[in-house]
Structures are given as structure tokens and as C-alpha cells.
Amino acid sequence: MIKLLVIDDDLATCDFLRSFFSQRGYKVFVANDGGQAIFITKEKRPDIILLDIKMPGLSGIEILQRIKEIDKNPKVIMMSAVDEKVVVELAMKYGAVDYITKPFSLEWLERDVFLKASE
């Protein structure tokens, strides 16, 4: 079973993603801030992480850096409502495997992005 961690401060987004991917057989964990994200990463060792760029407290980039210090293995996919080239480059520099812009199709995310991440 693939373990997925969704990190987003928007509770509705987290609930929607949890519901969608749980129904498809993923074990889904949710974090609404950097502290929760780091704790879950240490305890659960997710395979894939969906990480929002705009977060309260620690930014998505800071969370990415800390996650990669804990465990280099998760495939981290950054999410944002805005496509910012500088942020994309920074995310890739720190170990993200992809960057997607909201809104996105969940079927596309699972089929194309997760497949790419697992290569």
C-alpha cells in the first residue's frame, strides 16, 4: 500500500484529497502545518508527499528541506495556486520531483504525476 502525506493548510483540500486517494487504496495522512508534516514524516515514512507552497509558519520550501533531511526517499510534489518559476526552481533544487498548479484533476494527478514520481 502506497503511503501518501498531504500537507496543506486548507482543510477542505486535505479532506478532498484524503477521500479521493483513500478510496483508491492509498494510506493517506494529512498535515496542516510544518510541525505536523515533520512528525508524520518521521513516524509514518510516506512514499509520496503532496506539499503546498504557501503554508503558515514554515513555508513549503522550508518544510521540503526538513523532510529531505529526515528521509530522502519520499517523492515530494509541490502544489501552488500560482506558477512561480523561481519557486519551482528552488523546490527542484531541494529535492521535489514535480510542481503542479492548482486546480488540477485528481485522475491526472494519480495517473501522470504519481506514475512519473514512482519512476
N, C-alpha and C. Protein backbone atom coordinates (compact mmCIF):
# COMPACT_ATOMS: atom_id res chain seq x y z
N MET A 1 0.84 -1.19 0.00
CA MET A 1 0.00 0.00 0.00
C MET A 1 0.88 1.25 0.00
N ILE A 2 0.59 2.15 -0.91
CA ILE A 2 1.34 3.41 -1.00
C ILE A 2 0.88 4.35 0.10
N LYS A 3 1.85 4.92 0.82
CA LYS A 3 1.57 5.89 1.87
C LYS A 3 1.74 7.30 1.29
N LEU A 4 0.69 8.09 1.41
CA LEU A 4 0.64 9.44 0.87
C LEU A 4 0.45 10.43 2.01
N LEU A 5 1.28 11.46 2.05
CA LEU A 5 1.12 12.54 3.01
C LEU A 5 0.72 13.80 2.25
N VAL A 6 -0.42 14.38 2.65
CA VAL A 6 -0.90 15.64 2.08
C VAL A 6 -0.61 16.73 3.10
N ILE A 7 0.13 17.75 2.68
CA ILE A 7 0.47 18.87 3.56
C ILE A 7 -0.12 20.13 2.95
N ASP A 8 -1.17 20.64 3.60
CA ASP A 8 -1.86 21.84 3.11
C ASP A 8 -2.61 22.45 4.29
N ASP A 9 -2.61 23.77 4.39
CA ASP A 9 -3.33 24.42 5.48
C ASP A 9 -4.82 24.56 5.19
N ASP A 10 -5.23 24.24 3.97
CA ASP A 10 -6.65 24.30 3.62
C ASP A 10 -7.30 22.95 3.95
N LEU A 11 -8.14 22.93 4.98
CA LEU A 11 -8.73 21.69 5.47
C LEU A 11 -9.61 21.01 4.42
N ALA A 12 -10.33 21.80 3.64
CA ALA A 12 -11.21 21.22 2.61
C ALA A 12 -10.37 20.49 1.56
N THR A 13 -9.26 21.07 1.16
CA THR A 13 -8.37 20.41 0.20
C THR A 13 -7.85 19.10 0.76
N CYS A 14 -7.43 19.12 2.01
CA CYS A 14 -6.92 17.91 2.66
C CYS A 14 -7.99 16.82 2.71
N ASP A 15 -9.20 17.19 3.11
CA ASP A 15 -10.29 16.21 3.21
C ASP A 15 -10.62 15.63 1.84
N PHE A 16 -10.65 16.48 0.82
CA PHE A 16 -10.96 16.04 -0.53
C PHE A 16 -9.91 15.07 -1.04
N LEU A 17 -8.63 15.42 -0.87
CA LEU A 17 -7.54 14.55 -1.32
C LEU A 17 -7.52 13.25 -0.53
N ARG A 18 -7.75 13.34 0.79
CA ARG A 18 -7.77 12.13 1.61
C ARG A 18 -8.87 11.19 1.14
N SER A 19 -10.05 11.71 0.92
CA SER A 19 -11.17 10.88 0.48
C SER A 19 -10.89 10.23 -0.87
N PHE A 20 -10.44 11.02 -1.83
CA PHE A 20 -10.17 10.50 -3.17
C PHE A 20 -9.13 9.39 -3.15
N PHE A 21 -8.00 9.63 -2.51
CA PHE A 21 -6.92 8.65 -2.56
C PHE A 21 -7.15 7.47 -1.62
N SER A 22 -7.86 7.66 -0.53
CA SER A 22 -8.21 6.53 0.34
C SER A 22 -9.09 5.54 -0.41
N GLN A 23 -10.02 6.06 -1.19
CA GLN A 23 -10.90 5.19 -1.98
C GLN A 23 -10.13 4.40 -3.04
N ARG A 24 -8.96 4.85 -3.39
CA ARG A 24 -8.14 4.17 -4.39
C ARG A 24 -7.07 3.28 -3.78
N GLY A 25 -7.14 3.09 -2.46
CA GLY A 25 -6.25 2.15 -1.80
C GLY A 25 -4.98 2.73 -1.21
N TYR A 26 -4.83 4.05 -1.22
CA TYR A 26 -3.67 4.68 -0.61
C TYR A 26 -3.91 4.80 0.89
N LYS A 27 -2.85 4.74 1.68
CA LYS A 27 -2.91 5.08 3.10
C LYS A 27 -2.56 6.56 3.16
N VAL A 28 -3.55 7.38 3.55
CA VAL A 28 -3.38 8.83 3.47
C VAL A 28 -3.25 9.46 4.85
N PHE A 29 -2.22 10.28 5.00
CA PHE A 29 -2.00 11.07 6.20
C PHE A 29 -2.13 12.54 5.81
N VAL A 30 -2.55 13.37 6.76
CA VAL A 30 -2.75 14.80 6.48
C VAL A 30 -2.04 15.62 7.54
N ALA A 31 -1.39 16.69 7.10
CA ALA A 31 -0.77 17.66 8.00
C ALA A 31 -1.19 19.05 7.56
N ASN A 32 -1.50 19.90 8.53
CA ASN A 32 -1.94 21.26 8.23
C ASN A 32 -0.88 22.31 8.54
N ASP A 33 0.29 21.87 9.02
CA ASP A 33 1.39 22.80 9.27
C ASP A 33 2.71 22.03 9.25
N GLY A 34 3.80 22.78 9.29
CA GLY A 34 5.12 22.18 9.19
C GLY A 34 5.45 21.20 10.30
N GLY A 35 5.07 21.53 11.52
CA GLY A 35 5.35 20.65 12.65
C GLY A 35 4.70 19.29 12.48
N GLN A 36 3.42 19.30 12.11
CA GLN A 36 2.71 18.03 11.87
C GLN A 36 3.37 17.26 10.73
N ALA A 37 3.74 17.97 9.67
CA ALA A 37 4.34 17.33 8.49
C ALA A 37 5.64 16.62 8.86
N ILE A 38 6.46 17.28 9.64
CA ILE A 38 7.75 16.70 10.04
C ILE A 38 7.52 15.49 10.94
N PHE A 39 6.61 15.60 11.89
CA PHE A 39 6.30 14.48 12.78
C PHE A 39 5.80 13.26 11.99
N ILE A 40 4.85 13.49 11.09
CA ILE A 40 4.28 12.38 10.31
C ILE A 40 5.36 11.76 9.41
N THR A 41 6.21 12.59 8.84
CA THR A 41 7.28 12.06 8.00
C THR A 41 8.18 11.13 8.81
N LYS A 42 8.54 11.54 10.02
CA LYS A 42 9.40 10.71 10.89
C LYS A 42 8.70 9.41 11.27
N GLU A 43 7.43 9.50 11.64
CA GLU A 43 6.70 8.35 12.17
C GLU A 43 6.18 7.40 11.11
N LYS A 44 5.70 7.92 10.00
CA LYS A 44 4.98 7.10 9.01
C LYS A 44 5.77 6.80 7.75
N ARG A 45 6.83 7.56 7.48
CA ARG A 45 7.67 7.37 6.30
C ARG A 45 6.86 7.24 5.01
N PRO A 46 6.19 8.33 4.60
CA PRO A 46 5.36 8.27 3.39
C PRO A 46 6.20 8.04 2.13
N ASP A 47 5.54 7.47 1.12
CA ASP A 47 6.18 7.23 -0.18
C ASP A 47 6.09 8.47 -1.07
N ILE A 48 4.93 9.14 -1.00
CA ILE A 48 4.66 10.33 -1.82
C ILE A 48 4.15 11.43 -0.90
N ILE A 49 4.59 12.64 -1.14
CA ILE A 49 4.13 13.79 -0.36
C ILE A 49 3.64 14.86 -1.31
N LEU A 50 2.41 15.33 -1.08
CA LEU A 50 1.87 16.50 -1.79
C LEU A 50 2.02 17.67 -0.83
N LEU A 51 2.78 18.67 -1.21
CA LEU A 51 3.14 19.75 -0.30
C LEU A 51 2.80 21.11 -0.90
N ASP A 52 1.93 21.84 -0.21
CA ASP A 52 1.56 23.19 -0.65
C ASP A 52 2.71 24.15 -0.39
N ILE A 53 2.92 25.07 -1.29
CA ILE A 53 3.99 26.07 -1.15
C ILE A 53 3.65 27.09 -0.06
N LYS A 54 2.43 27.61 -0.10
CA LYS A 54 2.02 28.66 0.84
C LYS A 54 1.46 28.02 2.12
N MET A 55 2.26 28.04 3.18
CA MET A 55 1.87 27.45 4.45
C MET A 55 2.11 28.47 5.56
N PRO A 56 1.32 28.40 6.63
CA PRO A 56 1.57 29.28 7.78
C PRO A 56 2.81 28.80 8.53
N GLY A 57 3.54 29.72 9.13
CA GLY A 57 4.76 29.31 9.85
C GLY A 57 5.84 28.97 8.85
N LEU A 58 6.28 27.71 8.85
CA LEU A 58 7.27 27.26 7.89
C LEU A 58 6.68 27.28 6.49
N SER A 59 7.45 27.77 5.52
CA SER A 59 6.97 27.75 4.13
C SER A 59 7.08 26.33 3.58
N GLY A 60 6.45 26.10 2.46
CA GLY A 60 6.54 24.80 1.81
C GLY A 60 7.98 24.43 1.49
N ILE A 61 8.78 25.40 1.08
CA ILE A 61 10.19 25.14 0.77
C ILE A 61 10.95 24.74 2.03
N GLU A 62 10.68 25.42 3.16
CA GLU A 62 11.34 25.05 4.42
C GLU A 62 10.92 23.65 4.88
N ILE A 63 9.65 23.34 4.72
CA ILE A 63 9.16 22.00 5.07
C ILE A 63 9.84 20.96 4.19
N LEU A 64 9.94 21.23 2.89
CA LEU A 64 10.62 20.33 1.97
C LEU A 64 12.05 20.06 2.42
N GLN A 65 12.77 21.11 2.77
CA GLN A 65 14.16 20.95 3.22
C GLN A 65 14.24 20.06 4.45
N ARG A 66 13.37 20.28 5.41
CA ARG A 66 13.40 19.48 6.64
C ARG A 66 13.01 18.03 6.39
N ILE A 67 12.02 17.84 5.54
CA ILE A 67 11.61 16.46 5.20
C ILE A 67 12.78 15.72 4.57
N LYS A 68 13.47 16.36 3.64
CA LYS A 68 14.58 15.70 2.95
C LYS A 68 15.77 15.43 3.88
N GLU A 69 15.89 16.21 4.97
CA GLU A 69 16.91 15.92 5.98
C GLU A 69 16.55 14.66 6.76
N ILE A 70 15.26 14.43 6.96
CA ILE A 70 14.78 13.27 7.70
C ILE A 70 14.84 12.01 6.84
N ASP A 71 14.35 12.14 5.61
CA ASP A 71 14.22 10.97 4.73
C ASP A 71 14.32 11.43 3.28
N LYS A 72 15.29 10.94 2.56
CA LYS A 72 15.49 11.33 1.16
C LYS A 72 14.54 10.60 0.21
N ASN A 73 13.89 9.53 0.69
CA ASN A 73 13.11 8.65 -0.18
C ASN A 73 11.76 9.18 -0.68
N PRO A 74 11.00 9.92 0.12
CA PRO A 74 9.67 10.31 -0.39
C PRO A 74 9.77 11.14 -1.66
N LYS A 75 8.86 10.88 -2.58
CA LYS A 75 8.74 11.68 -3.78
C LYS A 75 7.85 12.87 -3.42
N VAL A 76 8.42 14.06 -3.40
CA VAL A 76 7.69 15.26 -2.99
C VAL A 76 7.23 16.02 -4.22
N ILE A 77 5.93 16.27 -4.26
CA ILE A 77 5.31 17.02 -5.34
C ILE A 77 4.77 18.32 -4.73
N MET A 78 5.29 19.42 -5.19
CA MET A 78 4.87 20.72 -4.66
C MET A 78 3.59 21.16 -5.36
N MET A 79 2.72 21.84 -4.60
CA MET A 79 1.45 22.36 -5.14
C MET A 79 1.38 23.85 -4.86
N SER A 80 0.79 24.59 -5.79
CA SER A 80 0.57 26.01 -5.57
C SER A 80 -0.54 26.51 -6.49
N ALA A 81 -1.19 27.56 -6.06
CA ALA A 81 -2.21 28.19 -6.91
C ALA A 81 -1.54 29.10 -7.94
N VAL A 82 -0.26 29.39 -7.75
CA VAL A 82 0.46 30.29 -8.64
C VAL A 82 1.69 29.57 -9.19
N ASP A 83 1.91 29.70 -10.48
CA ASP A 83 3.09 29.10 -11.11
C ASP A 83 4.22 30.12 -11.08
N GLU A 84 5.11 29.98 -10.10
CA GLU A 84 6.22 30.91 -9.93
C GLU A 84 7.52 30.21 -10.29
N LYS A 85 8.15 30.64 -11.36
CA LYS A 85 9.36 29.98 -11.87
C LYS A 85 10.46 29.89 -10.82
N VAL A 86 10.68 30.94 -10.08
CA VAL A 86 11.75 30.95 -9.07
C VAL A 86 11.46 29.90 -7.98
N VAL A 87 10.21 29.81 -7.57
CA VAL A 87 9.83 28.85 -6.54
C VAL A 87 9.96 27.43 -7.07
N VAL A 88 9.56 27.22 -8.31
CA VAL A 88 9.68 25.89 -8.94
C VAL A 88 11.15 25.46 -8.95
N GLU A 89 12.03 26.35 -9.37
CA GLU A 89 13.45 26.03 -9.43
C GLU A 89 14.01 25.72 -8.05
N LEU A 90 13.59 26.48 -7.05
CA LEU A 90 14.04 26.26 -5.68
C LEU A 90 13.54 24.91 -5.16
N ALA A 91 12.29 24.61 -5.43
CA ALA A 91 11.71 23.33 -4.99
C ALA A 91 12.47 22.15 -5.61
N MET A 92 12.78 22.24 -6.88
CA MET A 92 13.52 21.17 -7.54
C MET A 92 14.94 21.06 -6.99
N LYS A 93 15.54 22.19 -6.68
CA LYS A 93 16.88 22.19 -6.10
C LYS A 93 16.90 21.43 -4.78
N TYR A 94 15.84 21.57 -3.99
CA TYR A 94 15.79 20.93 -2.67
C TYR A 94 15.17 19.54 -2.69
N GLY A 95 14.90 19.01 -3.88
CA GLY A 95 14.52 17.61 -3.94
C GLY A 95 13.10 17.28 -4.36
N ALA A 96 12.30 18.27 -4.71
CA ALA A 96 10.96 17.96 -5.22
C ALA A 96 11.10 17.30 -6.58
N VAL A 97 10.18 16.38 -6.88
CA VAL A 97 10.22 15.70 -8.18
C VAL A 97 9.29 16.34 -9.20
N ASP A 98 8.36 17.16 -8.71
CA ASP A 98 7.43 17.82 -9.63
C ASP A 98 6.79 19.01 -8.93
N TYR A 99 6.12 19.84 -9.73
CA TYR A 99 5.45 21.04 -9.25
C TYR A 99 4.16 21.15 -10.03
N ILE A 100 3.04 21.19 -9.34
CA ILE A 100 1.75 21.27 -10.02
C ILE A 100 1.01 22.51 -9.56
N THR A 101 0.20 23.05 -10.46
CA THR A 101 -0.57 24.25 -10.19
C THR A 101 -2.02 23.89 -9.94
N LYS A 102 -2.56 24.43 -8.85
CA LYS A 102 -3.98 24.23 -8.52
C LYS A 102 -4.82 25.14 -9.41
N PRO A 103 -6.01 24.76 -9.76
CA PRO A 103 -6.64 23.45 -9.53
C PRO A 103 -6.11 22.42 -10.53
N PHE A 104 -6.23 21.16 -10.17
CA PHE A 104 -5.78 20.08 -11.04
C PHE A 104 -6.77 18.93 -10.94
N SER A 105 -6.74 18.08 -11.94
CA SER A 105 -7.60 16.90 -11.96
C SER A 105 -6.96 15.81 -11.10
N LEU A 106 -7.72 15.24 -10.20
CA LEU A 106 -7.18 14.18 -9.35
C LEU A 106 -6.82 12.93 -10.14
N GLU A 107 -7.62 12.63 -11.15
CA GLU A 107 -7.31 11.48 -12.00
C GLU A 107 -5.97 11.70 -12.72
N TRP A 108 -5.76 12.90 -13.22
CA TRP A 108 -4.49 13.25 -13.87
C TRP A 108 -3.34 13.15 -12.87
N LEU A 109 -3.55 13.68 -11.67
CA LEU A 109 -2.52 13.64 -10.64
C LEU A 109 -2.11 12.19 -10.36
N GLU A 110 -3.09 11.34 -10.15
CA GLU A 110 -2.79 9.94 -9.85
C GLU A 110 -2.13 9.24 -11.04
N ARG A 111 -2.68 9.42 -12.21
CA ARG A 111 -2.21 8.71 -13.40
C ARG A 111 -0.85 9.22 -13.87
N ASP A 112 -0.71 10.51 -14.06
CA ASP A 112 0.50 11.05 -14.68
C ASP A 112 1.58 11.47 -13.68
N VAL A 113 1.21 12.22 -12.67
CA VAL A 113 2.20 12.75 -11.75
C VAL A 113 2.73 11.66 -10.81
N PHE A 114 1.84 10.87 -10.22
CA PHE A 114 2.30 9.81 -9.32
C PHE A 114 3.09 8.76 -10.08
N LEU A 115 2.67 8.46 -11.29
CA LEU A 115 3.39 7.48 -12.11
C LEU A 115 4.81 8.00 -12.38
N LYS A 116 4.91 9.25 -12.75
CA LYS A 116 6.21 9.87 -13.01
C LYS A 116 7.06 9.86 -11.74
N ALA A 117 6.45 10.13 -10.60
CA ALA A 117 7.17 10.17 -9.33
C ALA A 117 7.70 8.80 -8.94
N SER A 118 7.02 7.75 -9.34
CA SER A 118 7.44 6.41 -8.94
C SER A 118 8.51 5.82 -9.86
N GLU A 119 8.84 6.51 -10.93
CA GLU A 119 9.88 6.01 -11.87
C GLU A 119 11.27 6.10 -11.26
